[in-house]
Amino acid sequence: MSDAPPAVERLIVPDGAAMTAAALERVRGWLLEAIQAKGRAVMALAGGTTPEAFYKELGNMELPWEKVLLLLGDERIAPGQQALSNSAMIRRTLMAGGRACMARFVAPELEGCTPQEAAHAYEAEIAKALGVAAGGDLILDVVILGLGKDGHTASLFPDSPALIAQKAWIFAVPAPEVEPRVPRLTMTLPLIHRARRVLFLAGGPEKLSLAQRIWEQGEGAALPAAMACRNENCVWIVSQQL
């Protein structure tokens, strides 16, 4: 596998079905590339509703899923509220009865601990699953990200202290000013920047307009999503309609 970063790809498609098809083609290839190069692939998943159809289709694709480790890019800390849980969404879409149930899914433990304790515990669990030291230069193979109307991605919100985290892989985020207003865990920018491939999925006219602003202004847009796409390892697939 070459360490040279791929060129940025920006794809505008007509609808959610076209977004899913384009995402499937790319993610399948990236996972196989990683598995062939080093025997396994590590993918961090976005939450929210936008990737649900994509996850359902991806979970049925023929891949060596037993060689794939799945992580969460962010999680909402709302124990007992399954409708808010990104972990629960992954289990009912990507891993529900399809081939992807053979993958290993490492989700954070949220019961009985503070957000900071949950962040440290999740980072330690990831390190254990990968057989590496926590806090090192972890390189993920694929990171799936979404795009919020305020420019946030994962649970990296404008003006959040998480945006300046340097060493941590996972950071505890206070409840934001957008729904659902619950504390979060999120991947940090350095972890996203080191990823081999980063895929943004977004849909609808408002998100398309925001994505185009980010493409034009880059980090000058001063939005977390723009900061996350600092390197030329990003692919954007944005649908005109949801």
Protein backbone atom coordinates (compact mmCIF):
# COMPACT_ATOMS: atom_id res chain seq x y z
CA MET A 1 0.00 0.00 0.00
CA SER A 2 1.37 3.39 -0.99
CA ASP A 3 1.68 6.00 1.72
CA ALA A 4 1.14 8.79 -0.82
CA PRO A 5 -2.18 10.56 -0.14
CA PRO A 6 -4.80 10.23 -2.87
CA ALA A 7 -6.17 13.30 -4.61
CA VAL A 8 -9.28 14.88 -3.11
CA GLU A 9 -12.47 13.63 -4.74
CA ARG A 10 -15.67 15.70 -4.63
CA LEU A 11 -18.72 13.99 -6.02
CA ILE A 12 -22.21 15.49 -6.29
CA VAL A 13 -24.92 12.90 -6.94
CA PRO A 14 -28.69 13.29 -7.44
CA ASP A 15 -30.07 11.36 -4.49
CA GLY A 16 -29.45 9.05 -1.54
CA ALA A 17 -29.44 5.91 -3.67
CA ALA A 18 -26.65 7.30 -5.84
CA MET A 19 -24.74 8.38 -2.73
CA THR A 20 -25.00 4.86 -1.30
CA ALA A 21 -23.83 3.26 -4.55
CA ALA A 22 -20.83 5.57 -4.84
CA ALA A 23 -19.89 5.07 -1.20
CA LEU A 24 -20.15 1.27 -1.44
CA GLU A 25 -17.78 1.14 -4.39
CA ARG A 26 -15.13 3.17 -2.64
CA VAL A 27 -15.35 1.70 0.86
CA ARG A 28 -15.29 -1.88 -0.38
CA GLY A 29 -12.12 -1.15 -2.33
CA TRP A 30 -10.47 0.62 0.61
CA LEU A 31 -11.22 -2.21 3.03
CA LEU A 32 -9.88 -4.84 0.63
CA GLU A 33 -6.78 -2.71 0.01
CA ALA A 34 -6.05 -2.55 3.74
CA ILE A 35 -6.72 -6.26 4.31
CA GLN A 36 -4.47 -7.27 1.43
CA ALA A 37 -1.69 -4.98 2.65
CA LYS A 38 -1.66 -5.83 6.36
CA GLY A 39 -4.18 -8.56 7.07
CA ARG A 40 -6.90 -6.39 8.60
CA ALA A 41 -8.83 -3.16 8.16
CA VAL A 42 -9.89 -0.66 10.81
CA MET A 43 -12.88 1.55 10.05
CA ALA A 44 -14.47 4.27 12.18
CA LEU A 45 -18.17 4.85 11.57
CA ALA A 46 -20.32 7.98 11.59
CA GLY A 47 -23.59 8.17 13.47
CA GLY A 48 -26.78 10.01 12.60
CA THR A 49 -29.37 9.11 9.97
CA THR A 50 -27.56 9.95 6.71
CA PRO A 51 -25.40 6.78 6.52
CA GLU A 52 -28.11 4.30 7.55
CA ALA A 53 -29.04 3.15 4.02
CA PHE A 54 -25.36 2.90 3.13
CA TYR A 55 -24.65 0.77 6.21
CA LYS A 56 -27.51 -1.62 5.41
CA GLU A 57 -26.12 -2.24 1.93
CA LEU A 58 -22.51 -2.39 3.09
CA GLY A 59 -23.38 -5.01 5.70
CA ASN A 60 -24.55 -7.37 2.96
CA MET A 61 -21.48 -7.00 0.77
CA GLU A 62 -19.20 -9.99 0.39
CA LEU A 63 -16.00 -9.06 2.23
CA PRO A 64 -13.66 -10.84 4.66
CA TRP A 65 -15.51 -9.19 7.54
CA GLU A 66 -13.75 -11.32 10.13
CA LYS A 67 -10.66 -9.22 9.33
CA VAL A 68 -12.43 -5.89 9.89
CA LEU A 69 -12.45 -3.95 13.17
CA LEU A 70 -15.23 -1.38 13.49
CA LEU A 71 -15.08 1.64 15.79
CA LEU A 72 -17.34 4.62 16.41
CA GLY A 73 -16.28 8.06 15.31
CA ASP A 74 -18.57 9.50 17.93
CA GLU A 75 -21.22 8.45 20.41
CA ARG A 76 -23.98 10.18 22.33
CA ILE A 77 -23.85 9.64 26.07
CA ALA A 78 -27.49 8.88 26.79
CA PRO A 79 -27.65 5.47 28.51
CA GLY A 80 -31.02 3.80 28.14
CA GLN A 81 -32.03 6.01 25.21
CA GLN A 82 -31.49 3.64 22.31
CA ALA A 83 -32.95 6.05 19.79
CA LEU A 84 -29.99 8.38 20.44
CA SER A 85 -27.32 5.69 20.40
CA ASN A 86 -24.99 5.48 17.43
CA SER A 87 -23.89 2.05 18.62
CA ALA A 88 -27.49 0.83 18.47
CA MET A 89 -27.89 2.29 14.98
CA ILE A 90 -24.79 0.44 13.76
CA ARG A 91 -26.09 -2.83 15.19
CA ARG A 92 -29.51 -2.51 13.54
CA THR A 93 -28.14 -1.47 10.14
CA LEU A 94 -24.62 -2.58 9.31
CA MET A 95 -24.57 -5.65 11.54
CA ALA A 96 -28.19 -6.78 11.46
CA GLY A 97 -28.28 -10.20 9.86
CA GLY A 98 -25.86 -9.50 7.04
CA ARG A 99 -22.30 -10.59 6.39
CA ALA A 100 -20.85 -7.76 8.49
CA CYS A 101 -21.96 -9.49 11.68
CA MET A 102 -18.63 -11.34 11.38
CA ALA A 103 -16.74 -8.09 11.99
CA ARG A 104 -15.56 -7.07 15.44
CA PHE A 105 -17.34 -3.97 16.69
CA VAL A 106 -15.69 -2.13 19.58
CA ALA A 107 -18.22 0.27 21.12
CA PRO A 108 -17.74 2.48 24.18
CA GLU A 109 -19.02 1.48 27.61
CA LEU A 110 -21.14 4.32 28.94
CA GLU A 111 -22.84 2.92 32.02
CA GLY A 112 -21.67 4.03 35.44
CA CYS A 113 -18.90 6.44 34.42
CA THR A 114 -18.38 10.10 33.67
CA PRO A 115 -17.88 11.26 30.05
CA GLN A 116 -14.15 11.70 30.73
CA GLU A 117 -13.91 8.19 32.19
CA ALA A 118 -15.82 6.83 29.20
CA ALA A 119 -13.42 8.56 26.80
CA HIS A 120 -10.34 7.12 28.54
CA ALA A 121 -11.92 3.66 28.73
CA TYR A 122 -12.86 3.67 25.05
CA GLU A 123 -9.39 4.74 24.01
CA ALA A 124 -7.93 1.92 26.14
CA GLU A 125 -10.36 -0.58 24.60
CA ILE A 126 -9.38 0.46 21.08
CA ALA A 127 -5.69 0.14 21.96
CA LYS A 128 -6.29 -3.33 23.41
CA ALA A 129 -8.24 -4.47 20.35
CA LEU A 130 -5.44 -3.31 18.06
CA GLY A 131 -2.57 -4.42 20.28
CA VAL A 132 -1.03 -0.95 20.41
CA ALA A 133 -0.28 1.63 23.09
CA ALA A 134 -3.02 4.16 23.80
CA GLY A 135 -2.17 7.69 22.73
CA GLY A 136 0.25 6.68 19.97
CA ASP A 137 0.05 7.57 16.30
CA LEU A 138 -2.85 5.28 15.47
CA ILE A 139 -3.62 5.16 11.75
CA LEU A 140 -7.16 4.17 10.79
CA ASP A 141 -7.79 2.77 7.33
CA VAL A 142 -11.22 4.31 6.74
CA VAL A 143 -13.14 7.03 8.59
CA ILE A 144 -16.76 7.76 7.70
CA LEU A 145 -17.91 11.28 8.59
CA GLY A 146 -21.10 13.27 8.31
CA LEU A 147 -21.74 16.99 8.06
CA GLY A 148 -23.90 18.99 10.46
CA LYS A 149 -25.74 22.15 9.51
CA ASP A 150 -23.40 24.11 11.79
CA GLY A 151 -20.36 22.60 10.10
CA HIS A 152 -19.66 20.00 12.78
CA THR A 153 -18.47 16.51 11.96
CA ALA A 154 -18.32 13.50 14.27
CA SER A 155 -18.99 15.36 17.56
CA LEU A 156 -16.46 18.09 16.81
CA PHE A 157 -18.52 21.26 17.17
CA PRO A 158 -17.53 24.86 16.45
CA ASP A 159 -15.44 26.34 19.27
CA SER A 160 -15.25 23.00 21.10
CA PRO A 161 -12.16 22.27 23.25
CA ALA A 162 -12.00 18.95 21.39
CA LEU A 163 -10.74 20.82 18.33
CA ILE A 164 -7.39 21.53 19.99
CA ALA A 165 -6.82 18.06 21.48
CA GLN A 166 -3.37 16.84 20.44
CA LYS A 167 -2.64 13.45 22.00
CA ALA A 168 -5.98 11.86 22.76
CA TRP A 169 -7.76 9.67 20.22
CA ILE A 170 -11.11 10.09 21.98
CA PHE A 171 -12.36 13.24 23.70
CA ALA A 172 -15.36 13.89 25.96
CA VAL A 173 -17.57 16.71 24.65
CA PRO A 174 -20.16 18.64 26.70
CA ALA A 175 -23.74 18.71 25.45
CA PRO A 176 -23.80 20.94 22.32
CA GLU A 177 -26.33 23.62 21.41
CA VAL A 178 -27.86 21.34 18.76
CA GLU A 179 -30.14 18.34 19.14
CA PRO A 180 -29.81 15.91 20.72
CA ARG A 181 -28.37 17.99 23.58
CA VAL A 182 -26.48 15.24 25.36
CA PRO A 183 -22.75 14.84 26.09
CA ARG A 184 -20.71 13.03 23.47
CA LEU A 185 -17.53 11.11 22.82
CA THR A 186 -15.68 11.97 19.63
CA MET A 187 -12.60 11.14 17.64
CA THR A 188 -10.09 13.97 17.62
CA LEU A 189 -8.73 15.84 14.62
CA PRO A 190 -5.22 14.34 14.76
CA LEU A 191 -6.72 10.84 14.56
CA ILE A 192 -8.82 11.83 11.55
CA HIS A 193 -5.86 13.53 9.88
CA ARG A 194 -3.76 10.35 10.08
CA ALA A 195 -6.44 8.16 8.49
CA ARG A 196 -5.64 6.66 5.12
CA ARG A 197 -9.09 7.47 3.74
CA VAL A 198 -11.79 9.83 5.01
CA LEU A 199 -15.26 9.73 3.46
CA PHE A 200 -17.79 12.51 4.04
CA LEU A 201 -21.44 11.66 3.36
CA ALA A 202 -24.06 14.43 3.30
CA GLY A 203 -27.39 15.04 1.64
CA GLY A 204 -29.85 17.78 0.77
CA PRO A 205 -29.56 21.31 -0.67
CA GLU A 206 -28.47 22.90 2.62
CA LYS A 207 -25.65 20.40 3.17
CA LEU A 208 -24.59 20.67 -0.47
CA SER A 209 -24.30 24.45 -0.16
CA LEU A 210 -22.26 24.06 3.04
CA ALA A 211 -19.99 21.44 1.45
CA GLN A 212 -19.35 23.72 -1.53
CA ARG A 213 -18.42 26.54 0.84
CA ILE A 214 -15.92 24.24 2.55
CA TRP A 215 -14.49 23.14 -0.80
CA GLU A 216 -14.00 26.76 -1.84
CA GLN A 217 -12.62 28.10 1.44
CA GLY A 218 -10.91 25.04 2.95
CA GLU A 219 -9.78 25.65 6.52
CA GLY A 220 -10.60 29.30 5.95
CA ALA A 221 -14.22 28.29 6.46
CA ALA A 222 -13.30 27.89 10.16
CA LEU A 223 -15.63 24.91 10.54
CA PRO A 224 -14.77 21.56 12.13
CA ALA A 225 -15.59 19.68 8.92
CA ALA A 226 -13.13 21.87 7.03
CA MET A 227 -10.49 21.27 9.70
CA ALA A 228 -11.05 17.51 9.45
CA CYS A 229 -10.31 17.56 5.73
CA ARG A 230 -6.91 19.20 6.07
CA ASN A 231 -5.07 16.50 4.14
CA GLU A 232 -5.70 15.20 0.66
CA ASN A 233 -7.07 11.93 1.99
CA CYS A 234 -10.73 13.01 1.82
CA VAL A 235 -13.54 11.99 -0.49
CA TRP A 236 -16.81 13.90 -0.42
CA ILE A 237 -20.05 12.35 -1.69
CA VAL A 238 -22.94 14.79 -1.40
CA SER A 239 -26.44 14.18 -2.74
CA GLN A 240 -28.61 16.99 -4.07
CA GLN A 241 -31.65 15.43 -2.43
CA LEU A 242 -31.99 13.29 0.71
